[in-house]
Amino acid sequence: MSDLSTPLSRAPRRFDLNPKPLAAALLLIALGAVYLAQTVSGRQAALYIVGALLGLSLYHAAFGFTSAWRVFIADGRGAGLRAQMLMLAVGVVLFFPALASGSLFGHPVVGLVAPAGTSVVVGAFMFGVGMQLGGGCASGTLYTVGGGSTRMIVTLAAFVTGSVVATAHMPFWTALPSLKPLSMVTTLGASSAIALNLAIFAAIAALTVLVERRRHGGLVNEAARPPRASPWLQGPWPLFVGALALVLLDFATLALSGRPWGVTSAFALWGAKLFAALGIDVASWPYWATRANAGALAAPVTHDVTTVMDVGIILGAMAAAALAGRYAPVWKVPMRSLIAAVVGGLLLGYGARLAYGCNIGAYFSGIVSGSLHGWLWLVAAFAGNVLGTRLRPAFGLEVERVRRTGC
């Protein structure tokens, strides 16, 4: 069986950290929460804290959707995909009953349910290619930016640009053939929908085990990492802990905001506000003329739940990286890698708008909302990841593989 682990001698546990970035991140989280509580609401401040906890969880568990899909496609290793199936399984058990009743803790809640059609297929495929070239998904881009990745700042900037450009073209894409929004919770009932989804998650997990055993002779162990003085504070966390943390924090988002966690609608909003500041009349575009989007465009960004949580994710990841002693931005990035970041970011942004969300809003929160478009997104995005993985070497980007040693 292939094994990534290597024996470690008993070394003293270390408590390395970067004090200045840690202090800055914690101060900004605290000040932001106080500001939001005073100017918007206590609920908005709580969502900001949830965002910070999401960033910390993503970083400490290294919970990457992009890398998990890539190593399965290229090398047959499925631990990351199995962690995602665990996350989704717990998610449907938590979310479906609440969505069926329409309320949670006395507050109304709705799922992220969107049409399943041509735009989802095209957009999710583009997003999948962009994941591998850009080096991250939506949540991955945010937490790696917070963790000090300068390359991912380029990806994020292109992500924002692609998002707002896509909003200009939405009338064309939404006019293409599509099914009406379909919720499995409404169609099948909560219990039947849970049973069906759990069966699918189990089948996918079993498939990853089969593929991994055929490729490597057994399941590949994670690489051992140096011991830390406080593993839960400094990381790294096991993948299953990250999966459980993400789903519980998504459920907290549902309870606080009335809908599940999303990421990329904020990118389109940031881009639209920037375009408007440059004199471009985005308010006249049909996408921004709808009541909800027009209100978001006119309001301060502090009133946008997704923006507040996205900023929290960045700062939470910054705090996590500093706690781990790994916050050390490197400003020199190879040109081919930068080109990939720009191309990937544009595909990510444009694709996310077409597909009604990203790996969080469409895949994770879409599936735990019972939306058919979440499953369509998964299939199309996975196909895009296959192409993106094959394109990575052309841009000087690594495709991770482990040495085969047999049984």
Protein backbone atom coordinates (compact mmCIF):
# COMPACT_ATOMS: atom_id res chain seq x y z
CA MET A 1 0.00 0.00 0.00
CA SER A 2 1.24 3.48 -0.83
CA ASP A 3 1.88 5.61 2.22
CA LEU A 4 2.61 9.33 2.33
CA SER A 5 3.55 9.25 5.98
CA THR A 6 7.13 9.19 7.25
CA PRO A 7 8.23 8.28 10.78
CA LEU A 8 8.93 11.30 12.94
CA SER A 9 11.35 11.30 15.81
CA ARG A 10 10.03 12.56 19.07
CA ALA A 11 10.69 16.27 18.83
CA PRO A 12 9.58 18.86 21.35
CA ARG A 13 6.21 20.31 20.52
CA ARG A 14 6.53 23.79 19.08
CA PHE A 15 4.33 26.81 19.49
CA ASP A 16 5.49 28.90 16.54
CA LEU A 17 3.31 31.80 15.52
CA ASN A 18 3.48 35.14 13.72
CA PRO A 19 2.45 37.62 16.44
CA LYS A 20 1.99 40.78 14.34
CA PRO A 21 -0.34 39.27 11.68
CA LEU A 22 -2.20 37.42 14.43
CA ALA A 23 -2.74 40.61 16.43
CA ALA A 24 -3.83 42.49 13.31
CA ALA A 25 -6.32 39.79 12.28
CA LEU A 26 -7.85 39.45 15.76
CA LEU A 27 -8.09 43.22 16.15
CA LEU A 28 -9.85 43.61 12.79
CA ILE A 29 -12.25 40.79 13.62
CA ALA A 30 -13.11 42.36 16.98
CA LEU A 31 -13.43 45.91 15.66
CA GLY A 32 -15.47 44.73 12.68
CA ALA A 33 -17.89 42.85 14.91
CA VAL A 34 -18.39 45.87 17.15
CA TYR A 35 -18.88 48.18 14.16
CA LEU A 36 -21.42 45.88 12.53
CA ALA A 37 -23.33 45.42 15.77
CA GLN A 38 -23.62 49.20 16.15
CA THR A 39 -24.31 50.20 12.54
CA VAL A 40 -26.18 47.21 11.08
CA SER A 41 -27.30 44.57 13.61
CA GLY A 42 -26.09 42.05 16.13
CA ARG A 43 -27.08 39.34 13.67
CA GLN A 44 -24.78 40.82 11.03
CA ALA A 45 -21.93 40.93 13.56
CA ALA A 46 -22.57 37.28 14.40
CA LEU A 47 -22.40 36.35 10.70
CA TYR A 48 -19.06 38.15 10.47
CA ILE A 49 -17.76 35.99 13.34
CA VAL A 50 -19.14 32.88 11.62
CA GLY A 51 -17.20 33.91 8.52
CA ALA A 52 -14.01 34.22 10.56
CA LEU A 53 -14.58 30.74 12.02
CA LEU A 54 -15.12 29.40 8.50
CA GLY A 55 -11.79 30.91 7.44
CA LEU A 56 -10.00 29.38 10.41
CA SER A 57 -11.61 25.98 9.73
CA LEU A 58 -10.80 26.04 6.02
CA TYR A 59 -7.17 26.90 6.71
CA HIS A 60 -6.51 24.55 9.61
CA ALA A 61 -8.15 21.59 7.86
CA ALA A 62 -6.63 22.58 4.48
CA PHE A 63 -10.14 21.88 3.22
CA GLY A 64 -9.64 22.47 -0.48
CA PHE A 65 -12.27 21.45 -3.00
CA THR A 66 -9.85 22.10 -5.87
CA SER A 67 -6.95 19.99 -4.62
CA ALA A 68 -9.30 17.20 -3.49
CA TRP A 69 -10.74 16.88 -6.98
CA ARG A 70 -7.35 17.19 -8.66
CA VAL A 71 -5.64 14.41 -6.71
CA PHE A 72 -8.59 12.11 -7.35
CA ILE A 73 -8.60 12.86 -11.08
CA ALA A 74 -4.83 12.62 -11.51
CA ASP A 75 -3.85 10.11 -8.85
CA GLY A 76 -6.97 8.29 -7.67
CA ARG A 77 -6.72 9.51 -4.07
CA GLY A 78 -10.17 10.10 -2.63
CA ALA A 79 -9.81 11.24 0.99
CA GLY A 80 -10.84 14.79 0.11
CA LEU A 81 -13.91 13.65 -1.81
CA ARG A 82 -14.92 11.34 1.03
CA ALA A 83 -14.67 14.26 3.44
CA GLN A 84 -16.95 16.24 1.14
CA MET A 85 -19.48 13.39 1.10
CA LEU A 86 -19.43 13.33 4.91
CA MET A 87 -20.02 17.08 4.96
CA LEU A 88 -22.95 16.78 2.55
CA ALA A 89 -24.43 13.81 4.40
CA VAL A 90 -24.49 15.64 7.73
CA GLY A 91 -25.74 18.70 5.86
CA VAL A 92 -28.86 17.12 4.38
CA VAL A 93 -29.75 15.56 7.75
CA LEU A 94 -29.56 19.01 9.36
CA PHE A 95 -30.94 21.18 6.55
CA PHE A 96 -33.77 19.20 4.97
CA PRO A 97 -36.08 19.07 8.04
CA ALA A 98 -35.56 22.80 8.68
CA LEU A 99 -36.21 23.69 5.04
CA ALA A 100 -39.28 21.45 4.94
CA SER A 101 -40.77 23.24 7.94
CA GLY A 102 -39.78 26.65 6.58
CA SER A 103 -38.42 27.89 9.89
CA LEU A 104 -35.48 27.37 12.24
CA PHE A 105 -35.48 28.52 15.85
CA GLY A 106 -38.58 30.57 15.08
CA HIS A 107 -37.12 32.38 12.06
CA PRO A 108 -38.09 31.77 8.41
CA VAL A 109 -35.49 29.95 6.27
CA VAL A 110 -35.20 29.13 2.57
CA GLY A 111 -32.74 27.08 0.57
CA LEU A 112 -30.56 28.12 -2.33
CA VAL A 113 -32.66 26.59 -5.11
CA ALA A 114 -32.00 27.67 -8.71
CA PRO A 115 -32.94 26.59 -12.25
CA ALA A 116 -31.05 23.61 -13.68
CA GLY A 117 -30.23 24.19 -17.32
CA THR A 118 -27.79 25.24 -20.00
CA SER A 119 -26.27 28.12 -18.09
CA VAL A 120 -25.51 25.86 -15.12
CA VAL A 121 -23.78 23.29 -17.32
CA VAL A 122 -21.68 25.88 -19.16
CA GLY A 123 -20.96 27.96 -16.08
CA ALA A 124 -20.03 25.04 -13.83
CA PHE A 125 -17.74 23.58 -16.53
CA MET A 126 -15.99 26.96 -16.86
CA PHE A 127 -15.74 27.17 -13.08
CA GLY A 128 -14.19 23.70 -12.96
CA VAL A 129 -11.47 24.65 -15.44
CA GLY A 130 -10.92 27.88 -13.53
CA MET A 131 -10.51 26.01 -10.24
CA GLN A 132 -7.43 24.22 -11.54
CA LEU A 133 -5.86 27.16 -13.36
CA GLY A 134 -6.68 29.75 -10.72
CA GLY A 135 -5.49 27.42 -7.98
CA GLY A 136 -8.62 27.48 -5.87
CA CYS A 137 -12.40 27.57 -5.72
CA ALA A 138 -14.41 30.41 -4.19
CA SER A 139 -13.85 29.53 -0.54
CA GLY A 140 -10.31 28.36 -1.36
CA THR A 141 -9.44 31.67 -2.98
CA LEU A 142 -10.59 33.58 0.10
CA TYR A 143 -8.84 31.45 2.68
CA THR A 144 -5.56 31.28 0.76
CA VAL A 145 -5.61 35.06 0.30
CA GLY A 146 -6.10 35.34 4.05
CA GLY A 147 -3.32 32.83 4.57
CA GLY A 148 -0.86 35.09 2.75
CA SER A 149 -0.89 33.78 -0.85
CA THR A 150 -0.01 36.71 -3.11
CA ARG A 151 -0.77 34.71 -6.27
CA MET A 152 -4.33 34.21 -5.07
CA ILE A 153 -4.80 37.97 -4.78
CA VAL A 154 -4.44 38.01 -8.56
CA THR A 155 -6.95 35.17 -8.86
CA LEU A 156 -9.39 37.04 -6.60
CA ALA A 157 -9.10 40.26 -8.63
CA ALA A 158 -9.79 38.35 -11.86
CA PHE A 159 -12.60 36.46 -10.08
CA VAL A 160 -14.30 39.76 -9.23
CA THR A 161 -13.86 41.05 -12.79
CA GLY A 162 -15.26 37.89 -14.36
CA SER A 163 -18.23 37.97 -11.98
CA VAL A 164 -19.35 41.48 -12.87
CA VAL A 165 -18.79 40.98 -16.61
CA ALA A 166 -21.04 37.90 -16.44
CA THR A 167 -23.86 39.98 -14.94
CA ALA A 168 -23.90 42.05 -18.14
CA HIS A 169 -24.55 38.89 -20.17
CA MET A 170 -27.08 37.19 -17.89
CA PRO A 171 -30.17 37.92 -20.06
CA PHE A 172 -28.62 35.84 -22.85
CA TRP A 173 -27.75 32.91 -20.60
CA THR A 174 -31.01 32.83 -18.65
CA ALA A 175 -32.96 32.74 -21.94
CA LEU A 176 -31.39 29.38 -22.86
CA PRO A 177 -33.26 26.09 -22.17
CA SER A 178 -33.62 25.38 -18.47
CA LEU A 179 -35.77 23.53 -15.96
CA LYS A 180 -37.63 25.48 -13.34
CA PRO A 181 -36.08 25.54 -9.86
CA LEU A 182 -36.66 22.11 -8.33
CA SER A 183 -36.27 21.23 -4.66
CA MET A 184 -36.05 17.57 -3.70
CA VAL A 185 -37.29 18.50 -0.25
CA THR A 186 -40.52 19.90 -1.70
CA THR A 187 -40.90 17.22 -4.38
CA LEU A 188 -40.05 14.09 -2.37
CA GLY A 189 -40.48 15.19 1.22
CA ALA A 190 -37.66 15.57 3.72
CA SER A 191 -37.34 11.90 4.73
CA SER A 192 -37.30 10.47 1.20
CA ALA A 193 -34.95 13.20 -0.01
CA ILE A 194 -32.55 12.49 2.87
CA ALA A 195 -32.57 8.76 2.11
CA LEU A 196 -31.93 9.31 -1.61
CA ASN A 197 -29.10 11.76 -1.04
CA LEU A 198 -27.42 9.61 1.61
CA ALA A 199 -27.47 6.67 -0.80
CA ILE A 200 -25.79 8.79 -3.50
CA PHE A 201 -23.15 10.12 -1.09
CA ALA A 202 -22.38 6.56 0.06
CA ALA A 203 -22.07 5.38 -3.55
CA ILE A 204 -19.66 8.20 -4.42
CA ALA A 205 -17.56 7.50 -1.31
CA ALA A 206 -17.48 3.80 -2.13
CA LEU A 207 -16.39 4.58 -5.69
CA THR A 208 -13.46 6.66 -4.42
CA VAL A 209 -12.37 3.75 -2.19
CA LEU A 210 -12.56 1.33 -5.12
CA VAL A 211 -10.56 3.64 -7.41
CA GLU A 212 -7.95 4.36 -4.75
CA ARG A 213 -7.43 0.69 -3.90
CA ARG A 214 -7.10 -0.26 -7.55
CA ARG A 215 -4.61 2.54 -8.19
CA HIS A 216 -2.49 2.24 -5.03
CA GLY A 217 -3.25 -1.18 -3.58
CA GLY A 218 -4.96 0.39 -0.56
CA LEU A 219 -5.99 3.72 0.92
CA VAL A 220 -3.21 6.30 0.94
CA ASN A 221 -2.43 7.78 4.35
CA GLU A 222 -2.04 11.50 4.83
CA ALA A 223 1.50 12.77 5.27
CA ALA A 224 2.55 13.13 8.89
CA ARG A 225 3.18 16.69 9.99
CA PRO A 226 5.39 18.13 12.71
CA PRO A 227 3.82 18.04 16.17
CA ARG A 228 2.41 21.28 17.51
CA ALA A 229 2.01 22.54 21.04
CA SER A 230 -1.73 22.96 20.43
CA PRO A 231 -2.96 21.06 17.33
CA TRP A 232 -6.52 22.37 17.65
CA LEU A 233 -5.35 25.96 17.93
CA GLN A 234 -2.48 25.78 15.46
CA GLY A 235 -3.61 22.94 13.20
CA PRO A 236 -3.50 20.89 11.16
CA TRP A 237 -6.94 19.38 11.68
CA PRO A 238 -8.07 16.04 10.23
CA LEU A 239 -10.20 16.43 7.11
CA PHE A 240 -13.30 15.01 8.80
CA VAL A 241 -13.07 17.70 11.50
CA GLY A 242 -12.95 20.36 8.80
CA ALA A 243 -15.97 18.79 7.10
CA LEU A 244 -18.01 18.82 10.30
CA ALA A 245 -16.94 22.37 11.16
CA LEU A 246 -18.00 23.66 7.73
CA VAL A 247 -21.42 22.06 7.80
CA LEU A 248 -22.16 23.23 11.34
CA LEU A 249 -21.09 26.76 10.47
CA ASP A 250 -23.22 26.64 7.30
CA PHE A 251 -26.15 25.61 9.50
CA ALA A 252 -25.39 28.56 11.78
CA THR A 253 -25.48 30.78 8.68
CA LEU A 254 -28.91 29.39 7.82
CA ALA A 255 -30.15 30.13 11.34
CA LEU A 256 -28.75 33.67 11.39
CA SER A 257 -29.40 34.85 7.83
CA GLY A 258 -32.35 32.72 6.79
CA ARG A 259 -30.47 31.08 3.91
CA PRO A 260 -27.36 28.90 3.52
CA TRP A 261 -23.77 30.04 3.04
CA GLY A 262 -22.79 31.64 -0.28
CA VAL A 263 -19.62 33.35 -1.48
CA THR A 264 -19.55 34.68 -5.03
CA SER A 265 -22.55 37.01 -5.20
CA ALA A 266 -20.40 39.41 -3.18
CA PHE A 267 -17.68 39.32 -5.85
CA ALA A 268 -20.19 40.48 -8.48
CA LEU A 269 -21.37 43.21 -6.10
CA TRP A 270 -17.83 44.44 -5.44
CA GLY A 271 -17.13 44.52 -9.17
CA ALA A 272 -20.37 46.35 -9.93
CA LYS A 273 -19.65 49.00 -7.31
CA LEU A 274 -16.14 49.44 -8.74
CA PHE A 275 -17.48 49.71 -12.30
CA ALA A 276 -20.06 52.27 -11.12
CA ALA A 277 -17.31 54.29 -9.42
CA LEU A 278 -15.49 54.33 -12.78
CA GLY A 279 -18.55 55.78 -14.48
CA ILE A 280 -20.05 52.61 -15.97
CA ASP A 281 -23.85 52.53 -15.65
CA VAL A 282 -24.20 49.01 -14.24
CA ALA A 283 -27.48 49.94 -12.54
CA SER A 284 -29.16 49.88 -15.96
CA TRP A 285 -28.12 46.28 -16.64
CA PRO A 286 -31.09 43.90 -16.26
CA TYR A 287 -29.26 41.84 -13.64
CA TRP A 288 -28.81 44.87 -11.39
CA ALA A 289 -32.26 46.27 -12.12
CA THR A 290 -34.03 43.55 -10.15
CA ARG A 291 -35.33 44.64 -6.79
CA ALA A 292 -32.94 42.58 -4.65
CA ASN A 293 -29.81 43.35 -6.67
CA ALA A 294 -30.65 47.03 -7.07
CA GLY A 295 -31.02 47.28 -3.31
CA ALA A 296 -27.68 45.58 -2.74
CA LEU A 297 -25.99 47.87 -5.27
CA ALA A 298 -27.36 50.98 -3.59
CA ALA A 299 -26.68 49.89 0.00
CA PRO A 300 -23.33 49.95 1.82
CA VAL A 301 -21.41 46.69 1.50
CA THR A 302 -21.63 46.24 5.27
CA HIS A 303 -25.33 45.45 4.77
CA ASP A 304 -24.53 42.56 2.42
CA VAL A 305 -24.38 39.26 4.34
CA THR A 306 -22.12 37.56 1.80
CA THR A 307 -19.62 40.43 1.80
CA VAL A 308 -19.44 40.47 5.58
CA MET A 309 -18.85 36.72 5.72
CA ASP A 310 -16.26 36.81 2.91
CA VAL A 311 -14.23 39.43 4.75
CA GLY A 312 -14.55 37.34 7.90
CA ILE A 313 -13.21 34.28 6.04
CA ILE A 314 -10.12 36.20 4.91
CA LEU A 315 -9.37 37.47 8.40
CA GLY A 316 -10.10 34.13 10.04
CA ALA A 317 -7.67 32.41 7.66
CA MET A 318 -5.09 35.12 8.34
CA ALA A 319 -5.39 34.44 12.07
CA ALA A 320 -5.10 30.68 11.45
CA ALA A 321 -1.98 31.10 9.29
CA ALA A 322 -0.41 33.34 11.92
CA LEU A 323 -1.25 30.85 14.68
CA ALA A 324 0.44 28.12 12.63
CA GLY A 325 3.50 30.32 12.09
CA ARG A 326 2.97 30.16 8.34
CA TYR A 327 1.95 33.72 7.47
CA ALA A 328 4.79 34.81 5.19
CA PRO A 329 3.65 36.31 1.86
CA VAL A 330 5.98 35.71 -1.11
CA TRP A 331 5.75 38.42 -3.74
CA LYS A 332 7.73 36.78 -6.52
CA VAL A 333 5.44 34.60 -8.67
CA PRO A 334 6.43 33.01 -12.02
CA MET A 335 4.86 34.70 -15.07
CA ARG A 336 3.13 31.54 -16.36
CA SER A 337 1.59 31.04 -12.94
CA LEU A 338 0.32 34.62 -12.92
CA ILE A 339 -1.22 34.16 -16.37
CA ALA A 340 -2.96 31.03 -15.12
CA ALA A 341 -4.23 32.98 -12.10
CA VAL A 342 -5.77 35.65 -14.36
CA VAL A 343 -7.32 33.19 -16.80
CA GLY A 344 -8.52 30.93 -14.01
CA GLY A 345 -9.96 33.81 -12.01
CA LEU A 346 -11.92 35.13 -14.99
CA LEU A 347 -13.35 31.65 -15.65
CA LEU A 348 -14.22 31.26 -11.98
CA GLY A 349 -16.06 34.57 -11.81
CA TYR A 350 -17.90 34.26 -15.10
CA GLY A 351 -18.78 30.63 -14.51
CA ALA A 352 -20.09 31.18 -10.99
CA ARG A 353 -22.65 33.75 -12.14
CA LEU A 354 -23.88 31.56 -15.00
CA ALA A 355 -24.19 28.54 -12.71
CA TYR A 356 -26.03 30.37 -9.89
CA GLY A 357 -23.15 29.83 -7.54
CA CYS A 358 -19.79 28.25 -6.89
CA ASN A 359 -18.52 25.23 -5.00
CA ILE A 360 -20.21 26.71 -1.92
CA GLY A 361 -23.42 28.38 -3.13
CA ALA A 362 -24.24 25.84 -5.87
CA TYR A 363 -22.48 22.62 -4.85
CA PHE A 364 -22.38 22.56 -1.03
CA SER A 365 -25.30 24.81 -0.10
CA GLY A 366 -27.21 23.93 -3.26
CA ILE A 367 -27.15 20.20 -2.52
CA VAL A 368 -27.97 20.62 1.18
CA SER A 369 -30.86 22.84 0.03
CA GLY A 370 -32.16 19.93 -2.04
CA SER A 371 -31.69 21.84 -5.31
CA LEU A 372 -31.38 19.77 -8.49
CA HIS A 373 -29.03 22.40 -9.92
CA GLY A 374 -26.49 21.52 -7.22
CA TRP A 375 -26.13 17.99 -8.61
CA LEU A 376 -25.97 19.27 -12.20
CA TRP A 377 -23.26 21.71 -11.07
CA LEU A 378 -21.26 18.86 -9.52
CA VAL A 379 -21.22 16.79 -12.73
CA ALA A 380 -20.35 19.71 -15.02
CA ALA A 381 -17.75 21.19 -12.66
CA PHE A 382 -16.05 17.82 -12.24
CA ALA A 383 -15.74 17.54 -16.02
CA GLY A 384 -14.22 21.02 -16.06
CA ASN A 385 -11.74 19.96 -13.39
CA VAL A 386 -10.63 17.05 -15.58
CA LEU A 387 -9.74 19.46 -18.39
CA GLY A 388 -8.24 21.99 -15.98
CA THR A 389 -6.02 19.34 -14.40
CA ARG A 390 -4.67 18.40 -17.83
CA LEU A 391 -3.97 22.06 -18.62
CA ARG A 392 -2.03 22.80 -15.42
CA PRO A 393 1.42 21.60 -16.63
CA ALA A 394 1.23 24.04 -19.57
CA PHE A 395 1.25 26.86 -17.01
CA GLY A 396 3.99 25.36 -14.87
CA LEU A 397 1.53 24.22 -12.19
CA GLU A 398 2.02 21.01 -10.24
CA VAL A 399 -0.23 17.95 -10.49
CA GLU A 400 0.39 15.99 -7.29
CA ARG A 401 1.03 12.25 -7.49
CA VAL A 402 2.43 9.77 -5.01
CA ARG A 403 4.94 7.07 -5.86
CA ARG A 404 3.37 3.66 -6.40
CA THR A 405 4.97 1.03 -4.22
CA GLY A 406 2.48 -1.80 -4.55
CA CYS A 407 0.88 -3.77 -1.72
